[in-house]
Amino acid sequence: MINVMTNWNELAEKALRGELLTMEEGLAVLEADDDEILAILSAAFKVRKHYFGKKVKLNLIINAKSGLCPEDCGYCSQSIVSTAPVSKYPLLEKDTLVNGARKAMELKVGTYCIVASGRGPTGKELDQVIAAVKEIKETMPMKICACLGILSDEQAVRLKEAGVDRYNHNLNTSAGNFSKITTTHTYDDRVTTVEAAKNSGMSPCSGCIVGMGETNRELVEIAYALRDLDADSIPVNFLNSIKGTPLENNKELNPRKCLKVLALMRFINPSKEIRISGGREVNLRSMQALGLYAGNSLFVGDYLTTEGQEAAQDHKMIEDMGFEIELCAL
């Protein structure tokens, strides 16, 4: 283990050279004393600034299909094992999906994320999404990310041909922790879907949910796994424990730990989009803005079944930090 006097700038230089942090170095970031946080973030910012300057990418989710999911993911209010009172509806009509993209444009969002619950899309659902994507791409300078569950190779190709730029399918947790969180599909199922998206030509997007009982060593393993997948965008979610889900009593996070995780992800995936994602408001709280020293991307607006911070507040936070919103340029 590296001691508390670690020169964090040496880790930044190592990341900039393209060298992988060792397990011991990764653990040192996560287990550092809290009074090291500013030094760690300063080092992470050197890496972030090298690749992204002071730009911040904005993303917005539309909950295109809610509830009705047969999977048993312990963190999710939409799963079959959840008793949380959430809206349940089939896939939204094309016009509603297109109007959601227009709202995203008004909020200075560069990537519009069409997210649907379920194990994977039916043929009809895929057709509906494709029709909406084609109209959006014809009328708006908008990048589109789809998150529809497990995909076949053929479905991935169809989405790419329709104009989907990016496909999201999170690993969520480490391979060793996965069966404690979900049993109706496997870690390998998720890896296979990310690979299908990548092989189709879509940009692969895959991340994690922190705070689901994983160890610090497993957090480093997750960062390694995402590097191995070569995910272009890495959403780092922080568990928002929802009453009625199996993980409703998990309250293990605090803002300092969340900031260390973001720095770890930046050091191990230096050139990738690190997105500060779901649960940031309830876990980072008053320290959200500091996350931008490591992360270069945010979700704005609401998430799937939980409320997010107002977009205007996010815009102001970015401005107050001296950062700049990166507008979409296709």
C-alpha atoms as a PDB file:
ATOM      1  CA  MET A   1       0.000   0.000   0.000  1.00  0.00           C
ATOM      2  CA  ILE A   2       1.266   3.479  -0.875  1.00  0.00           C
ATOM      3  CA  ASN A   3       1.430   5.582   2.256  1.00  0.00           C
ATOM      4  CA  VAL A   4      -0.601   8.731   2.878  1.00  0.00           C
ATOM      5  CA  MET A   5       2.280  10.912   1.680  1.00  0.00           C
ATOM      6  CA  THR A   6       1.816   9.624  -1.887  1.00  0.00           C
ATOM      7  CA  ASN A   7       2.622  12.208  -4.528  1.00  0.00           C
ATOM      8  CA  TRP A   8      -0.701  12.125  -6.326  1.00  0.00           C
ATOM      9  CA  ASN A   9       0.814  14.080  -9.199  1.00  0.00           C
ATOM     10  CA  GLU A  10       2.978  11.061  -9.925  1.00  0.00           C
ATOM     11  CA  LEU A  11      -0.209   9.035 -10.461  1.00  0.00           C
ATOM     12  CA  ALA A  12      -1.477  11.756 -12.804  1.00  0.00           C
ATOM     13  CA  GLU A  13       1.751  11.658 -14.795  1.00  0.00           C
ATOM     14  CA  LYS A  14       1.546   7.878 -14.959  1.00  0.00           C
ATOM     15  CA  ALA A  15      -2.026   8.097 -16.291  1.00  0.00           C
ATOM     16  CA  LEU A  16      -1.000  10.688 -18.876  1.00  0.00           C
ATOM     17  CA  ARG A  17       1.733   8.349 -20.089  1.00  0.00           C
ATOM     18  CA  GLY A  18      -0.920   5.694 -20.635  1.00  0.00           C
ATOM     19  CA  GLU A  19       0.378   3.470 -17.853  1.00  0.00           C
ATOM     20  CA  LEU A  20      -2.109   1.505 -15.785  1.00  0.00           C
ATOM     21  CA  LEU A  21      -2.228   2.159 -12.059  1.00  0.00           C
ATOM     22  CA  THR A  22      -1.472  -0.877  -9.948  1.00  0.00           C
ATOM     23  CA  MET A  23      -4.075  -2.321  -7.604  1.00  0.00           C
ATOM     24  CA  GLU A  24      -2.107  -0.852  -4.690  1.00  0.00           C
ATOM     25  CA  GLU A  25      -2.139   2.621  -6.265  1.00  0.00           C
ATOM     26  CA  GLY A  26      -5.862   2.388  -6.949  1.00  0.00           C
ATOM     27  CA  LEU A  27      -6.527   1.350  -3.378  1.00  0.00           C
ATOM     28  CA  ALA A  28      -4.364   4.225  -2.156  1.00  0.00           C
ATOM     29  CA  VAL A  29      -6.704   6.686  -3.880  1.00  0.00           C
ATOM     30  CA  LEU A  30      -9.807   5.144  -2.332  1.00  0.00           C
ATOM     31  CA  GLU A  31      -8.313   4.685   1.133  1.00  0.00           C
ATOM     32  CA  ALA A  32      -6.477   8.006   1.430  1.00  0.00           C
ATOM     33  CA  ASP A  33      -7.234  10.203   4.422  1.00  0.00           C
ATOM     34  CA  ASP A  34     -10.010  12.671   3.727  1.00  0.00           C
ATOM     35  CA  ASP A  35      -7.608  15.589   4.115  1.00  0.00           C
ATOM     36  CA  GLU A  36      -5.918  14.342   0.920  1.00  0.00           C
ATOM     37  CA  ILE A  37      -9.038  14.865  -1.197  1.00  0.00           C
ATOM     38  CA  LEU A  38      -8.098  18.275  -2.600  1.00  0.00           C
ATOM     39  CA  ALA A  39      -4.648  17.026  -3.565  1.00  0.00           C
ATOM     40  CA  ILE A  40      -6.152  13.952  -5.235  1.00  0.00           C
ATOM     41  CA  LEU A  41      -8.674  16.060  -7.166  1.00  0.00           C
ATOM     42  CA  SER A  42      -5.950  18.484  -8.216  1.00  0.00           C
ATOM     43  CA  ALA A  43      -3.998  15.579  -9.682  1.00  0.00           C
ATOM     44  CA  ALA A  44      -7.098  14.134 -11.355  1.00  0.00           C
ATOM     45  CA  PHE A  45      -7.815  17.558 -12.862  1.00  0.00           C
ATOM     46  CA  LYS A  46      -4.424  17.565 -14.581  1.00  0.00           C
ATOM     47  CA  VAL A  47      -5.495  14.440 -16.453  1.00  0.00           C
ATOM     48  CA  ARG A  48      -9.025  15.691 -17.121  1.00  0.00           C
ATOM     49  CA  LYS A  49      -7.736  19.075 -18.376  1.00  0.00           C
ATOM     50  CA  HIS A  50      -5.226  17.420 -20.704  1.00  0.00           C
ATOM     51  CA  TYR A  51      -7.973  15.554 -22.548  1.00  0.00           C
ATOM     52  CA  PHE A  52     -11.035  17.754 -22.116  1.00  0.00           C
ATOM     53  CA  GLY A  53      -9.896  21.193 -21.016  1.00  0.00           C
ATOM     54  CA  LYS A  54     -12.651  22.846 -18.992  1.00  0.00           C
ATOM     55  CA  LYS A  55     -15.509  21.573 -21.157  1.00  0.00           C
ATOM     56  CA  VAL A  56     -18.498  19.775 -19.609  1.00  0.00           C
ATOM     57  CA  LYS A  57     -20.729  17.496 -21.657  1.00  0.00           C
ATOM     58  CA  LEU A  58     -24.433  17.436 -20.800  1.00  0.00           C
ATOM     59  CA  ASN A  59     -26.737  14.436 -21.200  1.00  0.00           C
ATOM     60  CA  LEU A  60     -30.476  14.042 -20.669  1.00  0.00           C
ATOM     61  CA  ILE A  61     -32.528  10.879 -20.091  1.00  0.00           C
ATOM     62  CA  ILE A  62     -36.037  10.190 -21.288  1.00  0.00           C
ATOM     63  CA  ASN A  63     -37.656   7.278 -19.460  1.00  0.00           C
ATOM     64  CA  ALA A  64     -39.074   5.771 -22.640  1.00  0.00           C
ATOM     65  CA  LYS A  65     -40.602   2.704 -20.967  1.00  0.00           C
ATOM     66  CA  SER A  66     -41.127   2.479 -17.231  1.00  0.00           C
ATOM     67  CA  GLY A  67     -41.574  -0.465 -14.895  1.00  0.00           C
ATOM     68  CA  LEU A  68     -42.808  -3.793 -16.231  1.00  0.00           C
ATOM     69  CA  CYS A  69     -39.311  -5.297 -16.001  1.00  0.00           C
ATOM     70  CA  PRO A  70     -38.832  -9.066 -15.415  1.00  0.00           C
ATOM     71  CA  GLU A  71     -35.251  -8.658 -14.125  1.00  0.00           C
ATOM     72  CA  ASP A  72     -34.414  -8.747 -10.397  1.00  0.00           C
ATOM     73  CA  CYS A  73     -31.730  -6.034 -10.147  1.00  0.00           C
ATOM     74  CA  GLY A  74     -31.594  -5.142  -6.453  1.00  0.00           C
ATOM     75  CA  TYR A  75     -30.961  -1.430  -6.948  1.00  0.00           C
ATOM     76  CA  CYS A  76     -33.792  -0.786  -9.405  1.00  0.00           C
ATOM     77  CA  SER A  77     -37.251   0.501  -8.529  1.00  0.00           C
ATOM     78  CA  GLN A  78     -38.563  -0.880 -11.837  1.00  0.00           C
ATOM     79  CA  SER A  79     -37.525  -4.492 -11.264  1.00  0.00           C
ATOM     80  CA  ILE A  80     -39.895  -7.361 -10.644  1.00  0.00           C
ATOM     81  CA  VAL A  81     -38.734  -7.620  -7.006  1.00  0.00           C
ATOM     82  CA  SER A  82     -39.323  -3.937  -6.241  1.00  0.00           C
ATOM     83  CA  THR A  83     -42.409  -2.687  -4.380  1.00  0.00           C
ATOM     84  CA  ALA A  84     -41.537   0.969  -4.952  1.00  0.00           C
ATOM     85  CA  PRO A  85     -44.484   2.972  -6.338  1.00  0.00           C
ATOM     86  CA  VAL A  86     -43.247   3.899  -9.820  1.00  0.00           C
ATOM     87  CA  SER A  87     -45.051   4.797 -13.031  1.00  0.00           C
ATOM     88  CA  LYS A  88     -45.602   1.841 -15.335  1.00  0.00           C
ATOM     89  CA  TYR A  89     -46.166   2.363 -19.041  1.00  0.00           C
ATOM     90  CA  PRO A  90     -45.193   0.804 -22.391  1.00  0.00           C
ATOM     91  CA  LEU A  91     -42.750   2.386 -24.827  1.00  0.00           C
ATOM     92  CA  LEU A  92     -43.603   6.007 -25.571  1.00  0.00           C
ATOM     93  CA  GLU A  93     -44.859   6.961 -29.015  1.00  0.00           C
ATOM     94  CA  LYS A  94     -42.471   8.352 -31.604  1.00  0.00           C
ATOM     95  CA  ASP A  95     -43.699  11.945 -31.308  1.00  0.00           C
ATOM     96  CA  THR A  96     -43.121  11.935 -27.542  1.00  0.00           C
ATOM     97  CA  LEU A  97     -39.568  10.684 -27.995  1.00  0.00           C
ATOM     98  CA  VAL A  98     -38.898  13.334 -30.638  1.00  0.00           C
ATOM     99  CA  ASN A  99     -40.329  16.100 -28.448  1.00  0.00           C
ATOM    100  CA  GLY A 100     -38.024  14.949 -25.658  1.00  0.00           C
ATOM    101  CA  ALA A 101     -35.064  15.603 -27.933  1.00  0.00           C
ATOM    102  CA  ARG A 102     -36.313  19.135 -28.573  1.00  0.00           C
ATOM    103  CA  LYS A 103     -36.438  19.739 -24.815  1.00  0.00           C
ATOM    104  CA  ALA A 104     -32.892  18.429 -24.561  1.00  0.00           C
ATOM    105  CA  MET A 105     -31.738  20.947 -27.168  1.00  0.00           C
ATOM    106  CA  GLU A 106     -33.274  23.778 -25.156  1.00  0.00           C
ATOM    107  CA  LEU A 107     -31.259  22.671 -22.113  1.00  0.00           C
ATOM    108  CA  LYS A 108     -27.952  22.764 -24.057  1.00  0.00           C
ATOM    109  CA  VAL A 109     -27.733  18.972 -23.967  1.00  0.00           C
ATOM    110  CA  GLY A 110     -25.358  17.295 -26.388  1.00  0.00           C
ATOM    111  CA  THR A 111     -26.475  13.672 -25.940  1.00  0.00           C
ATOM    112  CA  TYR A 112     -30.095  12.554 -25.659  1.00  0.00           C
ATOM    113  CA  CYS A 113     -30.491   9.185 -23.950  1.00  0.00           C
ATOM    114  CA  ILE A 114     -33.481   6.981 -24.809  1.00  0.00           C
ATOM    115  CA  VAL A 115     -33.791   4.513 -21.928  1.00  0.00           C
ATOM    116  CA  ALA A 116     -36.311   1.675 -21.688  1.00  0.00           C
ATOM    117  CA  SER A 117     -36.877  -0.842 -18.915  1.00  0.00           C
ATOM    118  CA  GLY A 118     -36.890  -4.559 -19.601  1.00  0.00           C
ATOM    119  CA  ARG A 119     -34.486  -7.367 -20.398  1.00  0.00           C
ATOM    120  CA  GLY A 120     -34.212  -6.243 -24.012  1.00  0.00           C
ATOM    121  CA  PRO A 121     -36.303  -4.668 -26.783  1.00  0.00           C
ATOM    122  CA  THR A 122     -39.026  -6.512 -28.679  1.00  0.00           C
ATOM    123  CA  GLY A 123     -39.144  -6.181 -32.437  1.00  0.00           C
ATOM    124  CA  LYS A 124     -41.965  -3.639 -32.209  1.00  0.00           C
ATOM    125  CA  GLU A 125     -40.143  -1.595 -29.570  1.00  0.00           C
ATOM    126  CA  LEU A 126     -36.987  -1.547 -31.656  1.00  0.00           C
ATOM    127  CA  ASP A 127     -38.989  -0.319 -34.664  1.00  0.00           C
ATOM    128  CA  GLN A 128     -40.512   2.502 -32.581  1.00  0.00           C
ATOM    129  CA  VAL A 129     -37.126   3.639 -31.308  1.00  0.00           C
ATOM    130  CA  ILE A 130     -35.622   3.487 -34.798  1.00  0.00           C
ATOM    131  CA  ALA A 131     -38.446   5.604 -36.249  1.00  0.00           C
ATOM    132  CA  ALA A 132     -37.920   8.247 -33.550  1.00  0.00           C
ATOM    133  CA  VAL A 133     -34.146   8.236 -33.970  1.00  0.00           C
ATOM    134  CA  LYS A 134     -34.388   8.774 -37.719  1.00  0.00           C
ATOM    135  CA  GLU A 135     -36.632  11.819 -37.278  1.00  0.00           C
ATOM    136  CA  ILE A 136     -34.432  13.295 -34.544  1.00  0.00           C
ATOM    137  CA  LYS A 137     -31.274  12.884 -36.618  1.00  0.00           C
ATOM    138  CA  GLU A 138     -32.969  14.477 -39.645  1.00  0.00           C
ATOM    139  CA  THR A 139     -34.119  17.557 -37.743  1.00  0.00           C
ATOM    140  CA  MET A 140     -31.679  18.213 -34.867  1.00  0.00           C
ATOM    141  CA  PRO A 141     -27.895  18.352 -34.326  1.00  0.00           C
ATOM    142  CA  MET A 142     -28.237  15.840 -31.510  1.00  0.00           C
ATOM    143  CA  LYS A 143     -26.199  12.819 -30.492  1.00  0.00           C
ATOM    144  CA  ILE A 144     -28.373   9.899 -29.444  1.00  0.00           C
ATOM    145  CA  CYS A 145     -27.591   7.210 -26.889  1.00  0.00           C
ATOM    146  CA  ALA A 146     -29.921   4.226 -26.553  1.00  0.00           C
ATOM    147  CA  CYS A 147     -30.204   2.044 -23.464  1.00  0.00           C
ATOM    148  CA  LEU A 148     -32.677  -0.744 -24.170  1.00  0.00           C
ATOM    149  CA  GLY A 149     -31.201  -3.716 -22.330  1.00  0.00           C
ATOM    150  CA  ILE A 150     -29.546  -6.816 -23.748  1.00  0.00           C
ATOM    151  CA  LEU A 151     -29.039  -6.653 -27.524  1.00  0.00           C
ATOM    152  CA  SER A 152     -28.391  -9.172 -30.240  1.00  0.00           C
ATOM    153  CA  ASP A 153     -25.775  -8.423 -32.894  1.00  0.00           C
ATOM    154  CA  GLU A 154     -28.545  -7.827 -35.445  1.00  0.00           C
ATOM    155  CA  GLN A 155     -30.408  -5.386 -33.201  1.00  0.00           C
ATOM    156  CA  ALA A 156     -27.196  -3.461 -32.592  1.00  0.00           C
ATOM    157  CA  VAL A 157     -26.567  -3.128 -36.322  1.00  0.00           C
ATOM    158  CA  ARG A 158     -30.107  -1.853 -36.903  1.00  0.00           C
ATOM    159  CA  LEU A 159     -29.713   0.823 -34.234  1.00  0.00           C
ATOM    160  CA  LYS A 160     -26.404   1.928 -35.719  1.00  0.00           C
ATOM    161  CA  GLU A 161     -27.895   2.124 -39.213  1.00  0.00           C
ATOM    162  CA  ALA A 162     -30.790   4.216 -37.867  1.00  0.00           C
ATOM    163  CA  GLY A 163     -28.367   6.804 -36.496  1.00  0.00           C
ATOM    164  CA  VAL A 164     -27.843   5.851 -32.849  1.00  0.00           C
ATOM    165  CA  ASP A 165     -24.425   7.211 -31.909  1.00  0.00           C
ATOM    166  CA  ARG A 166     -23.912   5.450 -28.589  1.00  0.00           C
ATOM    167  CA  TYR A 167     -25.274   2.446 -26.715  1.00  0.00           C
ATOM    168  CA  ASN A 168     -25.292   2.232 -22.932  1.00  0.00           C
ATOM    169  CA  HIS A 169     -25.214  -1.004 -20.987  1.00  0.00           C
ATOM    170  CA  ASN A 170     -23.588  -0.688 -17.578  1.00  0.00           C
ATOM    171  CA  LEU A 171     -21.524  -3.424 -15.960  1.00  0.00           C
ATOM    172  CA  ASN A 172     -22.929  -1.973 -12.697  1.00  0.00           C
ATOM    173  CA  THR A 173     -20.593  -3.801 -10.333  1.00  0.00           C
ATOM    174  CA  SER A 174     -17.650  -6.175 -10.277  1.00  0.00           C
ATOM    175  CA  ALA A 175     -17.839  -9.702 -11.658  1.00  0.00           C
ATOM    176  CA  GLY A 176     -17.470 -11.061  -8.122  1.00  0.00           C
ATOM    177  CA  ASN A 177     -20.249  -8.916  -6.665  1.00  0.00           C
ATOM    178  CA  PHE A 178     -22.667  -9.247  -9.579  1.00  0.00           C
ATOM    179  CA  SER A 179     -24.678 -12.291  -8.445  1.00  0.00           C
ATOM    180  CA  LYS A 180     -25.397 -10.569  -5.122  1.00  0.00           C
ATOM    181  CA  ILE A 181     -27.163  -7.789  -7.022  1.00  0.00           C
ATOM    182  CA  THR A 182     -28.789  -9.565  -9.987  1.00  0.00           C
ATOM    183  CA  THR A 183     -29.555 -13.226 -10.745  1.00  0.00           C
ATOM    184  CA  THR A 184     -31.793 -13.093 -13.837  1.00  0.00           C
ATOM    185  CA  HIS A 185     -28.876 -12.287 -16.131  1.00  0.00           C
ATOM    186  CA  THR A 186     -25.111 -12.475 -15.788  1.00  0.00           C
ATOM    187  CA  TYR A 187     -22.129 -10.166 -15.802  1.00  0.00           C
ATOM    188  CA  ASP A 188     -21.049 -11.835 -19.049  1.00  0.00           C
ATOM    189  CA  ASP A 189     -24.438 -11.021 -20.619  1.00  0.00           C
ATOM    190  CA  ARG A 190     -23.669  -7.358 -20.013  1.00  0.00           C
ATOM    191  CA  VAL A 191     -20.157  -7.593 -21.410  1.00  0.00           C
ATOM    192  CA  THR A 192     -21.520  -9.335 -24.524  1.00  0.00           C
ATOM    193  CA  THR A 193     -24.025  -6.527 -25.150  1.00  0.00           C
ATOM    194  CA  VAL A 194     -21.333  -3.849 -24.840  1.00  0.00           C
ATOM    195  CA  GLU A 195     -19.214  -5.802 -27.313  1.00  0.00           C
ATOM    196  CA  ALA A 196     -22.181  -6.099 -29.718  1.00  0.00           C
ATOM    197  CA  ALA A 197     -22.656  -2.330 -29.576  1.00  0.00           C
ATOM    198  CA  LYS A 198     -18.960  -1.753 -30.201  1.00  0.00           C
ATOM    199  CA  ASN A 199     -18.862  -4.222 -33.101  1.00  0.00           C
ATOM    200  CA  SER A 200     -21.814  -2.498 -34.769  1.00  0.00           C
ATOM    201  CA  GLY A 201     -19.923   0.787 -34.849  1.00  0.00           C
ATOM    202  CA  MET A 202     -21.840   2.477 -32.041  1.00  0.00           C
ATOM    203  CA  SER A 203     -19.777   4.137 -29.348  1.00  0.00           C
ATOM    204  CA  PRO A 204     -19.785   1.853 -26.282  1.00  0.00           C
ATOM    205  CA  CYS A 205     -21.010   3.390 -23.029  1.00  0.00           C
ATOM    206  CA  SER A 206     -20.712   1.394 -19.819  1.00  0.00           C
ATOM    207  CA  GLY A 207     -20.313   2.301 -16.180  1.00  0.00           C
ATOM    208  CA  CYS A 208     -21.080   1.337 -12.626  1.00  0.00           C
ATOM    209  CA  ILE A 209     -23.227   1.926  -9.569  1.00  0.00           C
ATOM    210  CA  VAL A 210     -21.141   2.643  -6.489  1.00  0.00           C
ATOM    211  CA  GLY A 211     -22.432   1.754  -3.028  1.00  0.00           C
ATOM    212  CA  MET A 212     -23.844  -1.745  -3.566  1.00  0.00           C
ATOM    213  CA  GLY A 213     -21.706  -3.547  -1.015  1.00  0.00           C
ATOM    214  CA  GLU A 214     -18.604  -3.790  -3.178  1.00  0.00           C
ATOM    215  CA  THR A 215     -15.160  -3.610  -1.583  1.00  0.00           C
ATOM    216  CA  ASN A 216     -12.549  -1.009  -2.494  1.00  0.00           C
ATOM    217  CA  ARG A 217     -10.632  -3.722  -4.318  1.00  0.00           C
ATOM    218  CA  GLU A 218     -13.753  -4.482  -6.358  1.00  0.00           C
ATOM    219  CA  LEU A 219     -14.111  -0.781  -7.197  1.00  0.00           C
ATOM    220  CA  VAL A 220     -10.620  -0.851  -8.670  1.00  0.00           C
ATOM    221  CA  GLU A 221     -11.531  -4.050 -10.534  1.00  0.00           C
ATOM    222  CA  ILE A 222     -14.572  -2.278 -12.015  1.00  0.00           C
ATOM    223  CA  ALA A 223     -12.353   0.567 -13.238  1.00  0.00           C
ATOM    224  CA  TYR A 224     -10.005  -1.999 -14.809  1.00  0.00           C
ATOM    225  CA  ALA A 225     -12.911  -3.851 -16.454  1.00  0.00           C
ATOM    226  CA  LEU A 226     -14.244  -0.652 -18.022  1.00  0.00           C
ATOM    227  CA  ARG A 227     -10.773   0.117 -19.337  1.00  0.00           C
ATOM    228  CA  ASP A 228     -10.559  -3.385 -20.825  1.00  0.00           C
ATOM    229  CA  LEU A 229     -13.935  -2.860 -22.509  1.00  0.00           C
ATOM    230  CA  ASP A 230     -12.616   0.403 -23.955  1.00  0.00           C
ATOM    231  CA  ALA A 231     -15.885   2.134 -23.081  1.00  0.00           C
ATOM    232  CA  ASP A 232     -15.858   5.641 -24.561  1.00  0.00           C
ATOM    233  CA  SER A 233     -18.214   6.974 -21.903  1.00  0.00           C
ATOM    234  CA  ILE A 234     -18.290   5.808 -18.284  1.00  0.00           C
ATOM    235  CA  PRO A 235     -21.341   6.798 -16.218  1.00  0.00           C
ATOM    236  CA  VAL A 236     -20.454   6.696 -12.533  1.00  0.00           C
ATOM    237  CA  ASN A 237     -23.698   6.289 -10.603  1.00  0.00           C
ATOM    238  CA  PHE A 238     -23.950   6.476  -6.822  1.00  0.00           C
ATOM    239  CA  LEU A 239     -26.637   4.290  -5.288  1.00  0.00           C
ATOM    240  CA  ASN A 240     -29.809   6.211  -4.494  1.00  0.00           C
ATOM    241  CA  SER A 241     -31.302   3.600  -2.195  1.00  0.00           C
ATOM    242  CA  ILE A 242     -35.015   3.563  -2.954  1.00  0.00           C
ATOM    243  CA  LYS A 243     -37.560   2.279  -0.457  1.00  0.00           C
ATOM    244  CA  GLY A 244     -39.124  -0.918  -1.736  1.00  0.00           C
ATOM    245  CA  THR A 245     -35.951  -2.233  -3.385  1.00  0.00           C
ATOM    246  CA  PRO A 246     -33.689  -4.942  -1.910  1.00  0.00           C
ATOM    247  CA  LEU A 247     -30.922  -2.345  -1.432  1.00  0.00           C
ATOM    248  CA  GLU A 248     -33.128   0.210   0.308  1.00  0.00           C
ATOM    249  CA  ASN A 249     -30.992   0.097   3.474  1.00  0.00           C
ATOM    250  CA  ASN A 250     -27.617   0.543   1.761  1.00  0.00           C
ATOM    251  CA  LYS A 251     -26.350   3.911   2.996  1.00  0.00           C
ATOM    252  CA  GLU A 252     -22.606   3.397   2.826  1.00  0.00           C
ATOM    253  CA  LEU A 253     -21.554   6.423   0.752  1.00  0.00           C
ATOM    254  CA  ASN A 254     -20.463   9.919   1.693  1.00  0.00           C
ATOM    255  CA  PRO A 255     -19.334  12.817  -0.519  1.00  0.00           C
ATOM    256  CA  ARG A 256     -15.626  12.251   0.149  1.00  0.00           C
ATOM    257  CA  LYS A 257     -15.776   8.613  -0.936  1.00  0.00           C
ATOM    258  CA  CYS A 258     -17.684   9.580  -4.081  1.00  0.00           C
ATOM    259  CA  LEU A 259     -15.018  12.129  -5.031  1.00  0.00           C
ATOM    260  CA  LYS A 260     -12.273   9.537  -4.539  1.00  0.00           C
ATOM    261  CA  VAL A 261     -14.137   7.116  -6.831  1.00  0.00           C
ATOM    262  CA  LEU A 262     -14.403   9.770  -9.558  1.00  0.00           C
ATOM    263  CA  ALA A 263     -10.681  10.466  -9.276  1.00  0.00           C
ATOM    264  CA  LEU A 264      -9.929   6.735  -9.458  1.00  0.00           C
ATOM    265  CA  MET A 265     -11.997   6.412 -12.645  1.00  0.00           C
ATOM    266  CA  ARG A 266     -10.117   9.350 -14.185  1.00  0.00           C
ATOM    267  CA  PHE A 267      -6.691   7.943 -13.321  1.00  0.00           C
ATOM    268  CA  ILE A 268      -7.502   4.482 -14.720  1.00  0.00           C
ATOM    269  CA  ASN A 269      -9.518   5.677 -17.733  1.00  0.00           C
ATOM    270  CA  PRO A 270      -7.713   8.960 -18.414  1.00  0.00           C
ATOM    271  CA  SER A 271      -8.984   9.787 -21.913  1.00  0.00           C
ATOM    272  CA  LYS A 272     -12.570   8.643 -21.440  1.00  0.00           C
ATOM    273  CA  GLU A 273     -15.732  10.610 -20.718  1.00  0.00           C
ATOM    274  CA  ILE A 274     -16.325  10.224 -16.991  1.00  0.00           C
ATOM    275  CA  ARG A 275     -19.975  11.092 -16.371  1.00  0.00           C
ATOM    276  CA  ILE A 276     -21.167  12.059 -12.899  1.00  0.00           C
ATOM    277  CA  SER A 277     -24.509  10.296 -13.021  1.00  0.00           C
ATOM    278  CA  GLY A 278     -27.455   9.037 -11.001  1.00  0.00           C
ATOM    279  CA  GLY A 279     -27.456   9.652  -7.267  1.00  0.00           C
ATOM    280  CA  ARG A 280     -24.965  12.528  -7.398  1.00  0.00           C
ATOM    281  CA  GLU A 281     -27.413  14.923  -5.781  1.00  0.00           C
ATOM    282  CA  VAL A 282     -28.110  12.732  -2.738  1.00  0.00           C
ATOM    283  CA  ASN A 283     -24.552  11.411  -2.314  1.00  0.00           C
ATOM    284  CA  LEU A 284     -22.247  14.279  -3.321  1.00  0.00           C
ATOM    285  CA  ARG A 285     -24.681  16.875  -1.985  1.00  0.00           C
ATOM    286  CA  SER A 286     -22.930  20.212  -1.369  1.00  0.00           C
ATOM    287  CA  MET A 287     -19.713  18.860  -2.908  1.00  0.00           C
ATOM    288  CA  GLN A 288     -21.145  18.129  -6.368  1.00  0.00           C
ATOM    289  CA  ALA A 289     -19.166  20.894  -8.035  1.00  0.00           C
ATOM    290  CA  LEU A 290     -15.846  19.371  -6.924  1.00  0.00           C
ATOM    291  CA  GLY A 291     -16.676  16.279  -8.956  1.00  0.00           C
ATOM    292  CA  LEU A 292     -16.069  18.299 -12.112  1.00  0.00           C
ATOM    293  CA  TYR A 293     -12.342  18.281 -11.385  1.00  0.00           C
ATOM    294  CA  ALA A 294     -12.368  14.570 -12.244  1.00  0.00           C
ATOM    295  CA  GLY A 295     -15.552  14.105 -14.285  1.00  0.00           C
ATOM    296  CA  ASN A 296     -16.193  15.936 -17.544  1.00  0.00           C
ATOM    297  CA  SER A 297     -19.840  15.026 -18.086  1.00  0.00           C
ATOM    298  CA  LEU A 298     -23.169  15.268 -16.250  1.00  0.00           C
ATOM    299  CA  PHE A 299     -26.744  14.098 -16.538  1.00  0.00           C
ATOM    300  CA  VAL A 300     -29.114  17.049 -16.242  1.00  0.00           C
ATOM    301  CA  GLY A 301     -32.784  16.874 -15.345  1.00  0.00           C
ATOM    302  CA  ASP A 302     -34.496  13.853 -13.834  1.00  0.00           C
ATOM    303  CA  TYR A 303     -33.319  10.254 -13.931  1.00  0.00           C
ATOM    304  CA  LEU A 304     -35.545   7.233 -14.547  1.00  0.00           C
ATOM    305  CA  THR A 305     -37.703   7.221 -11.419  1.00  0.00           C
ATOM    306  CA  THR A 306     -35.923   9.782  -9.240  1.00  0.00           C
ATOM    307  CA  GLU A 307     -35.674  13.553  -9.474  1.00  0.00           C
ATOM    308  CA  GLY A 308     -32.461  15.300 -10.411  1.00  0.00           C
ATOM    309  CA  GLN A 309     -31.213  18.810  -9.856  1.00  0.00           C
ATOM    310  CA  GLU A 310     -32.776  21.549 -11.988  1.00  0.00           C
ATOM    311  CA  ALA A 311     -30.865  22.061 -15.232  1.00  0.00           C
ATOM    312  CA  ALA A 312     -30.551  25.765 -14.486  1.00  0.00           C
ATOM    313  CA  GLN A 313     -28.719  24.918 -11.261  1.00  0.00           C
ATOM    314  CA  ASP A 314     -26.332  22.671 -13.155  1.00  0.00           C
ATOM    315  CA  HIS A 315     -25.682  25.408 -15.715  1.00  0.00           C
ATOM    316  CA  LYS A 316     -24.919  27.838 -12.889  1.00  0.00           C
ATOM    317  CA  MET A 317     -22.698  25.307 -11.094  1.00  0.00           C
ATOM    318  CA  ILE A 318     -20.655  24.811 -14.263  1.00  0.00           C
ATOM    319  CA  GLU A 319     -20.347  28.568 -14.752  1.00  0.00           C
ATOM    320  CA  ASP A 320     -19.397  29.176 -11.113  1.00  0.00           C
ATOM    321  CA  MET A 321     -16.591  26.624 -11.402  1.00  0.00           C
ATOM    322  CA  GLY A 322     -15.174  28.404 -14.439  1.00  0.00           C
ATOM    323  CA  PHE A 323     -16.088  25.524 -16.733  1.00  0.00           C
ATOM    324  CA  GLU A 324     -17.948  25.684 -20.051  1.00  0.00           C
ATOM    325  CA  ILE A 325     -20.785  23.591 -21.494  1.00  0.00           C
ATOM    326  CA  GLU A 326     -19.679  21.661 -24.571  1.00  0.00           C
ATOM    327  CA  LEU A 327     -22.347  22.141 -27.199  1.00  0.00           C
ATOM    328  CA  CYS A 328     -23.094  19.314 -29.605  1.00  0.00           C
ATOM    329  CA  ALA A 329     -21.182  19.401 -32.879  1.00  0.00           C
ATOM    330  CA  LEU A 330     -21.934  16.566 -35.262  1.00  0.00           C
END
